[in-house]
Amino acid sequence: VSQSRYAGLTYHLNQDSNVYFQIGRGFETPTLSEVLYTTTSSGSTNKFDYGVASAKTLQSEFGYKWRNQNLSKFDIAVFHARTSNDIVPYAIRSIGSTWTNADTSKFGLEISAAKVIAEKLIFRTAFTAIDAKYDQSTYAYNGALVTSAGNKVPGVPAHQLYADLAWRSHSWLSKPKVTYTEFGVDLRSTGKINVDSRNSYTVDGVLTSNANTVTTNSYYLLGVRASHNYRYGLLSVSGTSI
């Protein structure tokens, strides 16, 4: 279960651009899989862990938006989110993973842009950079460190870049109301991702460091797609090949 409330202000600089500020609060309860097992001295047991609390987040965002009719657009935003009792891994296993709570904070930047070229061709790009860290240390039942304050939250890419070039038989300047065909090619770049809340154990069971410096490699994905979209009255059907 999740719920959020937010408020915002927008100031129009001119007919093409505006700046805005938003602030909001939200909470999220643990899922069934996150409370299904309880950690024990021998691993985990299939018993509900009622100690996993709901996460509560305060988030703020400041941004700028620019539109040149339907031909071009540019957005940029910076954001900060602080979560108390964020639901984070306690012990990950093939069966019986368990979870705990720790305060976290995230700072980020988002940039996106689009440009229509000769009506039927469009170029789109987006970039996201995020720094997600633990604000507090948490400990296991036996006093062992589970998360360390200042370490990066695992599973969050340091940055992501997306670029897309697409052609459509119907003009991009208006919403299609007829049957049309679309072809596109896109490139995705994903930065390094921390794999653990702290460094993994060595073979002899000794923790190498409380820091988390073990990461995946950054990688790129190139995609090609083709689709045909049928429009009949209020009915719309799309077929896509990747």
C-alpha atoms as a PDB file:
ATOM      1  CA  VAL A   1       0.000   0.000   0.000  1.00  0.00           C
ATOM      2  CA  SER A   2       1.361   3.425  -0.899  1.00  0.00           C
ATOM      3  CA  GLN A   3      -0.006   6.948  -0.594  1.00  0.00           C
ATOM      4  CA  SER A   4       1.361  10.397  -1.371  1.00  0.00           C
ATOM      5  CA  ARG A   5       0.387  14.041  -1.015  1.00  0.00           C
ATOM      6  CA  TYR A   6       2.112  16.970  -2.646  1.00  0.00           C
ATOM      7  CA  ALA A   7       1.815  20.696  -3.286  1.00  0.00           C
ATOM      8  CA  GLY A   8       3.508  22.853  -5.888  1.00  0.00           C
ATOM      9  CA  LEU A   9       3.960  26.319  -7.340  1.00  0.00           C
ATOM     10  CA  THR A  10       4.487  27.205 -11.015  1.00  0.00           C
ATOM     11  CA  TYR A  11       5.658  30.552 -12.385  1.00  0.00           C
ATOM     12  CA  HIS A  12       5.302  31.189 -16.131  1.00  0.00           C
ATOM     13  CA  LEU A  13       8.316  33.106 -17.428  1.00  0.00           C
ATOM     14  CA  ASN A  14       6.660  33.507 -20.849  1.00  0.00           C
ATOM     15  CA  GLN A  15       4.334  31.561 -23.138  1.00  0.00           C
ATOM     16  CA  ASP A  16       7.052  28.950 -23.815  1.00  0.00           C
ATOM     17  CA  SER A  17       8.638  28.314 -20.416  1.00  0.00           C
ATOM     18  CA  ASN A  18       8.047  28.073 -16.688  1.00  0.00           C
ATOM     19  CA  VAL A  19       9.806  27.214 -13.446  1.00  0.00           C
ATOM     20  CA  TYR A  20       8.195  25.140 -10.725  1.00  0.00           C
ATOM     21  CA  PHE A  21       8.709  23.826  -7.212  1.00  0.00           C
ATOM     22  CA  GLN A  22       7.014  20.790  -5.690  1.00  0.00           C
ATOM     23  CA  ILE A  23       7.148  19.200  -2.260  1.00  0.00           C
ATOM     24  CA  GLY A  24       5.378  16.083  -1.130  1.00  0.00           C
ATOM     25  CA  ARG A  25       5.121  13.364   1.501  1.00  0.00           C
ATOM     26  CA  GLY A  26       4.346   9.706   1.019  1.00  0.00           C
ATOM     27  CA  PHE A  27       4.465   6.339   2.711  1.00  0.00           C
ATOM     28  CA  GLU A  28       4.747   2.759   1.556  1.00  0.00           C
ATOM     29  CA  THR A  29       3.996  -0.389   3.549  1.00  0.00           C
ATOM     30  CA  PRO A  30       6.148  -3.512   3.187  1.00  0.00           C
ATOM     31  CA  THR A  31       5.060  -6.082   0.597  1.00  0.00           C
ATOM     32  CA  LEU A  32       4.115  -9.607   1.622  1.00  0.00           C
ATOM     33  CA  SER A  33       7.487 -10.979   0.474  1.00  0.00           C
ATOM     34  CA  GLU A  34       9.293  -8.395   2.633  1.00  0.00           C
ATOM     35  CA  VAL A  35       7.628  -9.601   5.856  1.00  0.00           C
ATOM     36  CA  LEU A  36       7.178 -13.289   5.023  1.00  0.00           C
ATOM     37  CA  TYR A  37      10.418 -14.469   6.682  1.00  0.00           C
ATOM     38  CA  THR A  38      12.134 -13.720   9.993  1.00  0.00           C
ATOM     39  CA  THR A  39      15.908 -13.932  10.464  1.00  0.00           C
ATOM     40  CA  THR A  40      17.108 -16.505  13.002  1.00  0.00           C
ATOM     41  CA  SER A  41      20.538 -17.686  14.183  1.00  0.00           C
ATOM     42  CA  SER A  42      20.367 -20.512  11.633  1.00  0.00           C
ATOM     43  CA  GLY A  43      19.188 -18.384   8.689  1.00  0.00           C
ATOM     44  CA  SER A  44      15.495 -17.553   8.303  1.00  0.00           C
ATOM     45  CA  THR A  45      12.158 -19.064   9.181  1.00  0.00           C
ATOM     46  CA  ASN A  46       8.788 -18.820   7.475  1.00  0.00           C
ATOM     47  CA  LYS A  47       7.276 -16.558  10.120  1.00  0.00           C
ATOM     48  CA  PHE A  48       5.921 -13.054   9.601  1.00  0.00           C
ATOM     49  CA  ASP A  49       8.343 -10.312  10.611  1.00  0.00           C
ATOM     50  CA  TYR A  50       6.141  -7.573  12.055  1.00  0.00           C
ATOM     51  CA  GLY A  51       9.198  -5.482  12.886  1.00  0.00           C
ATOM     52  CA  VAL A  52       9.596  -4.200   9.303  1.00  0.00           C
ATOM     53  CA  ALA A  53       8.071  -0.705   9.430  1.00  0.00           C
ATOM     54  CA  SER A  54       6.463   1.386   6.688  1.00  0.00           C
ATOM     55  CA  ALA A  55       8.732   3.753   4.767  1.00  0.00           C
ATOM     56  CA  LYS A  56       7.967   7.488   4.913  1.00  0.00           C
ATOM     57  CA  THR A  57       9.430   9.886   2.352  1.00  0.00           C
ATOM     58  CA  LEU A  58       9.705  13.672   2.096  1.00  0.00           C
ATOM     59  CA  GLN A  59      10.595  14.748  -1.451  1.00  0.00           C
ATOM     60  CA  SER A  60      11.179  18.132  -3.074  1.00  0.00           C
ATOM     61  CA  GLU A  61      11.836  19.079  -6.696  1.00  0.00           C
ATOM     62  CA  PHE A  62      12.772  22.266  -8.518  1.00  0.00           C
ATOM     63  CA  GLY A  63      12.686  22.443 -12.290  1.00  0.00           C
ATOM     64  CA  TYR A  64      12.437  24.347 -15.549  1.00  0.00           C
ATOM     65  CA  LYS A  65      10.286  23.474 -18.596  1.00  0.00           C
ATOM     66  CA  TRP A  66      10.472  24.919 -22.104  1.00  0.00           C
ATOM     67  CA  ARG A  67       8.201  24.197 -25.074  1.00  0.00           C
ATOM     68  CA  ASN A  68       8.402  25.500 -28.638  1.00  0.00           C
ATOM     69  CA  GLN A  69       4.863  24.596 -29.695  1.00  0.00           C
ATOM     70  CA  ASN A  70       5.072  20.923 -30.765  1.00  0.00           C
ATOM     71  CA  LEU A  71       8.506  21.197 -32.417  1.00  0.00           C
ATOM     72  CA  SER A  72      10.867  21.099 -29.427  1.00  0.00           C
ATOM     73  CA  LYS A  73      10.925  20.673 -25.670  1.00  0.00           C
ATOM     74  CA  PHE A  74      13.471  20.804 -22.879  1.00  0.00           C
ATOM     75  CA  ASP A  75      13.079  19.887 -19.191  1.00  0.00           C
ATOM     76  CA  ILE A  76      15.556  20.006 -16.324  1.00  0.00           C
ATOM     77  CA  ALA A  77      14.958  19.249 -12.654  1.00  0.00           C
ATOM     78  CA  VAL A  78      16.890  18.656  -9.455  1.00  0.00           C
ATOM     79  CA  PHE A  79      15.342  16.665  -6.626  1.00  0.00           C
ATOM     80  CA  HIS A  80      15.984  15.455  -3.100  1.00  0.00           C
ATOM     81  CA  ALA A  81      14.209  12.663  -1.253  1.00  0.00           C
ATOM     82  CA  ARG A  82      14.759  11.602   2.343  1.00  0.00           C
ATOM     83  CA  THR A  83      13.165   8.359   3.493  1.00  0.00           C
ATOM     84  CA  SER A  84      12.822   7.323   7.113  1.00  0.00           C
ATOM     85  CA  ASN A  85      12.567   3.564   7.655  1.00  0.00           C
ATOM     86  CA  ASP A  86      13.375   2.791   4.037  1.00  0.00           C
ATOM     87  CA  ILE A  87      12.864  -0.951   3.451  1.00  0.00           C
ATOM     88  CA  VAL A  88      16.316  -2.385   2.668  1.00  0.00           C
ATOM     89  CA  PRO A  89      17.792  -5.918   2.451  1.00  0.00           C
ATOM     90  CA  TYR A  90      18.773  -7.629   5.716  1.00  0.00           C
ATOM     91  CA  ALA A  91      19.856 -10.957   4.182  1.00  0.00           C
ATOM     92  CA  ILE A  92      19.293 -11.987   0.551  1.00  0.00           C
ATOM     93  CA  ARG A  93      18.881 -15.718  -0.040  1.00  0.00           C
ATOM     94  CA  SER A  94      17.452 -17.852  -2.860  1.00  0.00           C
ATOM     95  CA  ILE A  95      14.658 -18.756  -0.415  1.00  0.00           C
ATOM     96  CA  GLY A  96      13.827 -16.784   2.691  1.00  0.00           C
ATOM     97  CA  SER A  97      15.209 -13.283   2.081  1.00  0.00           C
ATOM     98  CA  THR A  98      14.626 -10.911   4.987  1.00  0.00           C
ATOM     99  CA  TRP A  99      14.400  -7.133   5.233  1.00  0.00           C
ATOM    100  CA  THR A 100      14.978  -4.306   7.691  1.00  0.00           C
ATOM    101  CA  ASN A 101      14.682  -0.510   7.898  1.00  0.00           C
ATOM    102  CA  ALA A 102      17.261   2.259   7.486  1.00  0.00           C
ATOM    103  CA  ASP A 103      17.042   5.976   6.750  1.00  0.00           C
ATOM    104  CA  THR A 104      18.227   6.912   3.241  1.00  0.00           C
ATOM    105  CA  SER A 105      18.587  10.050   1.132  1.00  0.00           C
ATOM    106  CA  LYS A 106      18.702  10.583  -2.621  1.00  0.00           C
ATOM    107  CA  PHE A 107      19.929  13.600  -4.599  1.00  0.00           C
ATOM    108  CA  GLY A 108      19.358  13.667  -8.326  1.00  0.00           C
ATOM    109  CA  LEU A 109      19.329  15.529 -11.635  1.00  0.00           C
ATOM    110  CA  GLU A 110      17.020  14.830 -14.577  1.00  0.00           C
ATOM    111  CA  ILE A 111      17.321  16.308 -18.076  1.00  0.00           C
ATOM    112  CA  SER A 112      15.179  15.488 -21.111  1.00  0.00           C
ATOM    113  CA  ALA A 113      14.760  16.993 -24.573  1.00  0.00           C
ATOM    114  CA  ALA A 114      12.988  16.303 -27.858  1.00  0.00           C
ATOM    115  CA  LYS A 115      13.184  17.788 -31.364  1.00  0.00           C
ATOM    116  CA  VAL A 116      10.854  17.142 -34.306  1.00  0.00           C
ATOM    117  CA  ILE A 117      12.781  17.032 -37.585  1.00  0.00           C
ATOM    118  CA  ALA A 118      10.834  17.445 -40.844  1.00  0.00           C
ATOM    119  CA  GLU A 119       7.527  16.516 -39.131  1.00  0.00           C
ATOM    120  CA  LYS A 120       7.905  12.728 -39.420  1.00  0.00           C
ATOM    121  CA  LEU A 121      11.269  12.322 -37.692  1.00  0.00           C
ATOM    122  CA  ILE A 122      11.907  12.929 -33.991  1.00  0.00           C
ATOM    123  CA  PHE A 123      14.982  12.836 -31.765  1.00  0.00           C
ATOM    124  CA  ARG A 124      14.527  12.313 -28.018  1.00  0.00           C
ATOM    125  CA  THR A 125      17.034  12.053 -25.198  1.00  0.00           C
ATOM    126  CA  ALA A 126      16.986  11.854 -21.406  1.00  0.00           C
ATOM    127  CA  PHE A 127      19.651  11.763 -18.710  1.00  0.00           C
ATOM    128  CA  THR A 128      19.366  10.938 -14.999  1.00  0.00           C
ATOM    129  CA  ALA A 129      22.078  11.100 -12.340  1.00  0.00           C
ATOM    130  CA  ILE A 130      21.389  10.054  -8.759  1.00  0.00           C
ATOM    131  CA  ASP A 131      23.354   9.736  -5.531  1.00  0.00           C
ATOM    132  CA  ALA A 132      21.539   7.399  -3.122  1.00  0.00           C
ATOM    133  CA  LYS A 133      23.097   6.874   0.324  1.00  0.00           C
ATOM    134  CA  TYR A 134      22.309   5.402   3.727  1.00  0.00           C
ATOM    135  CA  ASP A 135      21.878   8.026   6.453  1.00  0.00           C
ATOM    136  CA  GLN A 136      22.232   5.554   9.313  1.00  0.00           C
ATOM    137  CA  SER A 137      23.870   2.262  10.199  1.00  0.00           C
ATOM    138  CA  THR A 138      21.739  -0.766  11.089  1.00  0.00           C
ATOM    139  CA  TYR A 139      22.798  -3.930  12.879  1.00  0.00           C
ATOM    140  CA  ALA A 140      21.834  -7.598  12.902  1.00  0.00           C
ATOM    141  CA  TYR A 141      20.496  -9.424  15.947  1.00  0.00           C
ATOM    142  CA  ASN A 142      24.066 -10.488  16.845  1.00  0.00           C
ATOM    143  CA  GLY A 143      25.498  -6.970  16.531  1.00  0.00           C
ATOM    144  CA  ALA A 144      26.905  -7.440  13.024  1.00  0.00           C
ATOM    145  CA  LEU A 145      26.728  -4.405  10.733  1.00  0.00           C
ATOM    146  CA  VAL A 146      24.011  -4.668   8.062  1.00  0.00           C
ATOM    147  CA  THR A 147      24.141  -1.175   6.520  1.00  0.00           C
ATOM    148  CA  SER A 148      26.748   1.521   7.076  1.00  0.00           C
ATOM    149  CA  ALA A 149      25.960   5.242   7.161  1.00  0.00           C
ATOM    150  CA  GLY A 150      27.409   7.006   4.120  1.00  0.00           C
ATOM    151  CA  ASN A 151      27.467   3.890   1.935  1.00  0.00           C
ATOM    152  CA  LYS A 152      25.591   3.913  -1.356  1.00  0.00           C
ATOM    153  CA  VAL A 153      22.235   2.144  -1.664  1.00  0.00           C
ATOM    154  CA  PRO A 154      22.681  -0.959  -3.854  1.00  0.00           C
ATOM    155  CA  GLY A 155      20.663  -1.469  -7.021  1.00  0.00           C
ATOM    156  CA  VAL A 156      20.550   2.237  -7.993  1.00  0.00           C
ATOM    157  CA  PRO A 157      22.504   3.178 -11.166  1.00  0.00           C
ATOM    158  CA  ALA A 158      24.825   6.163 -10.795  1.00  0.00           C
ATOM    159  CA  HIS A 159      23.496   7.502 -14.099  1.00  0.00           C
ATOM    160  CA  GLN A 160      21.302   6.532 -17.031  1.00  0.00           C
ATOM    161  CA  LEU A 161      21.288   7.972 -20.557  1.00  0.00           C
ATOM    162  CA  TYR A 162      18.656   7.349 -23.233  1.00  0.00           C
ATOM    163  CA  ALA A 163      18.671   8.537 -26.857  1.00  0.00           C
ATOM    164  CA  ASP A 164      16.081   7.689 -29.501  1.00  0.00           C
ATOM    165  CA  LEU A 165      15.588   8.489 -33.195  1.00  0.00           C
ATOM    166  CA  ALA A 166      12.182   7.551 -34.599  1.00  0.00           C
ATOM    167  CA  TRP A 167      10.296   7.894 -37.880  1.00  0.00           C
ATOM    168  CA  ARG A 168       6.502   7.844 -38.142  1.00  0.00           C
ATOM    169  CA  SER A 169       4.376   7.778 -41.277  1.00  0.00           C
ATOM    170  CA  HIS A 170       2.051  10.236 -39.511  1.00  0.00           C
ATOM    171  CA  SER A 171       3.369  13.651 -38.465  1.00  0.00           C
ATOM    172  CA  TRP A 172       4.761  13.987 -34.916  1.00  0.00           C
ATOM    173  CA  LEU A 173       3.212  17.460 -34.731  1.00  0.00           C
ATOM    174  CA  SER A 174      -0.248  16.118 -33.930  1.00  0.00           C
ATOM    175  CA  LYS A 175      -1.703  13.161 -32.082  1.00  0.00           C
ATOM    176  CA  PRO A 176      -2.283  10.353 -34.589  1.00  0.00           C
ATOM    177  CA  LYS A 177      -5.952   9.561 -35.246  1.00  0.00           C
ATOM    178  CA  VAL A 178      -5.312   7.273 -38.194  1.00  0.00           C
ATOM    179  CA  THR A 179      -3.410   4.090 -38.941  1.00  0.00           C
ATOM    180  CA  TYR A 180       0.349   4.688 -39.035  1.00  0.00           C
ATOM    181  CA  THR A 181       3.710   2.904 -39.073  1.00  0.00           C
ATOM    182  CA  GLU A 182       6.715   3.679 -36.886  1.00  0.00           C
ATOM    183  CA  PHE A 183      10.418   2.718 -36.989  1.00  0.00           C
ATOM    184  CA  GLY A 184      13.009   3.615 -34.378  1.00  0.00           C
ATOM    185  CA  VAL A 185      16.497   3.016 -33.024  1.00  0.00           C
ATOM    186  CA  ASP A 186      17.537   3.754 -29.445  1.00  0.00           C
ATOM    187  CA  LEU A 187      20.649   3.662 -27.282  1.00  0.00           C
ATOM    188  CA  ARG A 188      20.638   3.141 -23.510  1.00  0.00           C
ATOM    189  CA  SER A 189      23.648   3.672 -21.254  1.00  0.00           C
ATOM    190  CA  THR A 190      23.578   2.548 -17.617  1.00  0.00           C
ATOM    191  CA  GLY A 191      26.285   3.434 -15.124  1.00  0.00           C
ATOM    192  CA  LYS A 192      27.839   1.362 -12.372  1.00  0.00           C
ATOM    193  CA  ILE A 193      25.549  -0.161  -9.732  1.00  0.00           C
ATOM    194  CA  ASN A 194      26.592  -1.060  -6.191  1.00  0.00           C
ATOM    195  CA  VAL A 195      25.799  -4.709  -5.531  1.00  0.00           C
ATOM    196  CA  ASP A 196      25.727  -4.706  -1.717  1.00  0.00           C
ATOM    197  CA  SER A 197      25.227  -2.421   1.274  1.00  0.00           C
ATOM    198  CA  ARG A 198      28.871  -3.137   2.174  1.00  0.00           C
ATOM    199  CA  ASN A 199      31.638  -5.223   0.657  1.00  0.00           C
ATOM    200  CA  SER A 200      30.952  -8.939   0.297  1.00  0.00           C
ATOM    201  CA  TYR A 201      32.567 -11.494   2.611  1.00  0.00           C
ATOM    202  CA  THR A 202      35.792 -13.182   1.567  1.00  0.00           C
ATOM    203  CA  VAL A 203      36.067 -16.955   1.251  1.00  0.00           C
ATOM    204  CA  ASP A 204      37.163 -17.369   4.873  1.00  0.00           C
ATOM    205  CA  GLY A 205      34.130 -15.431   6.117  1.00  0.00           C
ATOM    206  CA  VAL A 206      35.983 -12.245   7.074  1.00  0.00           C
ATOM    207  CA  LEU A 207      34.392  -8.934   6.048  1.00  0.00           C
ATOM    208  CA  THR A 208      36.808  -7.049   3.798  1.00  0.00           C
ATOM    209  CA  SER A 209      35.475  -3.574   4.539  1.00  0.00           C
ATOM    210  CA  ASN A 210      32.452  -1.675   5.821  1.00  0.00           C
ATOM    211  CA  ALA A 211      32.569   0.411   2.649  1.00  0.00           C
ATOM    212  CA  ASN A 212      30.735  -0.793  -0.457  1.00  0.00           C
ATOM    213  CA  THR A 213      33.067  -0.524  -3.420  1.00  0.00           C
ATOM    214  CA  VAL A 214      31.956  -3.652  -5.296  1.00  0.00           C
ATOM    215  CA  THR A 215      29.970  -2.602  -8.380  1.00  0.00           C
ATOM    216  CA  THR A 216      28.747  -3.924 -11.691  1.00  0.00           C
ATOM    217  CA  ASN A 217      30.289  -2.623 -14.903  1.00  0.00           C
ATOM    218  CA  SER A 218      28.543   0.130 -16.831  1.00  0.00           C
ATOM    219  CA  TYR A 219      26.913  -1.117 -20.031  1.00  0.00           C
ATOM    220  CA  TYR A 220      25.177  -0.061 -23.250  1.00  0.00           C
ATOM    221  CA  LEU A 221      22.113  -1.437 -25.042  1.00  0.00           C
ATOM    222  CA  LEU A 222      21.249  -0.738 -28.678  1.00  0.00           C
ATOM    223  CA  GLY A 223      17.669  -1.388 -29.768  1.00  0.00           C
ATOM    224  CA  VAL A 224      15.779  -1.384 -33.058  1.00  0.00           C
ATOM    225  CA  ARG A 225      11.996  -1.494 -33.281  1.00  0.00           C
ATOM    226  CA  ALA A 226       9.171  -1.421 -35.817  1.00  0.00           C
ATOM    227  CA  SER A 227       5.454  -1.089 -35.166  1.00  0.00           C
ATOM    228  CA  HIS A 228       2.185  -0.747 -37.029  1.00  0.00           C
ATOM    229  CA  ASN A 229      -0.783   0.873 -35.344  1.00  0.00           C
ATOM    230  CA  TYR A 230      -4.362   0.332 -36.449  1.00  0.00           C
ATOM    231  CA  ARG A 231      -7.045   2.879 -35.659  1.00  0.00           C
ATOM    232  CA  TYR A 232     -10.728   2.095 -36.173  1.00  0.00           C
ATOM    233  CA  GLY A 233     -13.101   4.516 -34.479  1.00  0.00           C
ATOM    234  CA  LEU A 234     -12.359   4.403 -30.741  1.00  0.00           C
ATOM    235  CA  LEU A 235     -10.452   1.137 -31.122  1.00  0.00           C
ATOM    236  CA  SER A 236      -6.630   1.227 -31.364  1.00  0.00           C
ATOM    237  CA  VAL A 237      -4.415  -1.845 -31.893  1.00  0.00           C
ATOM    238  CA  SER A 238      -0.607  -1.812 -32.007  1.00  0.00           C
ATOM    239  CA  GLY A 239       1.833  -4.482 -33.111  1.00  0.00           C
ATOM    240  CA  THR A 240       5.536  -4.059 -32.302  1.00  0.00           C
ATOM    241  CA  SER A 241       8.642  -5.994 -33.336  1.00  0.00           C
ATOM    242  CA  ILE A 242      11.966  -5.479 -31.497  1.00  0.00           C
END
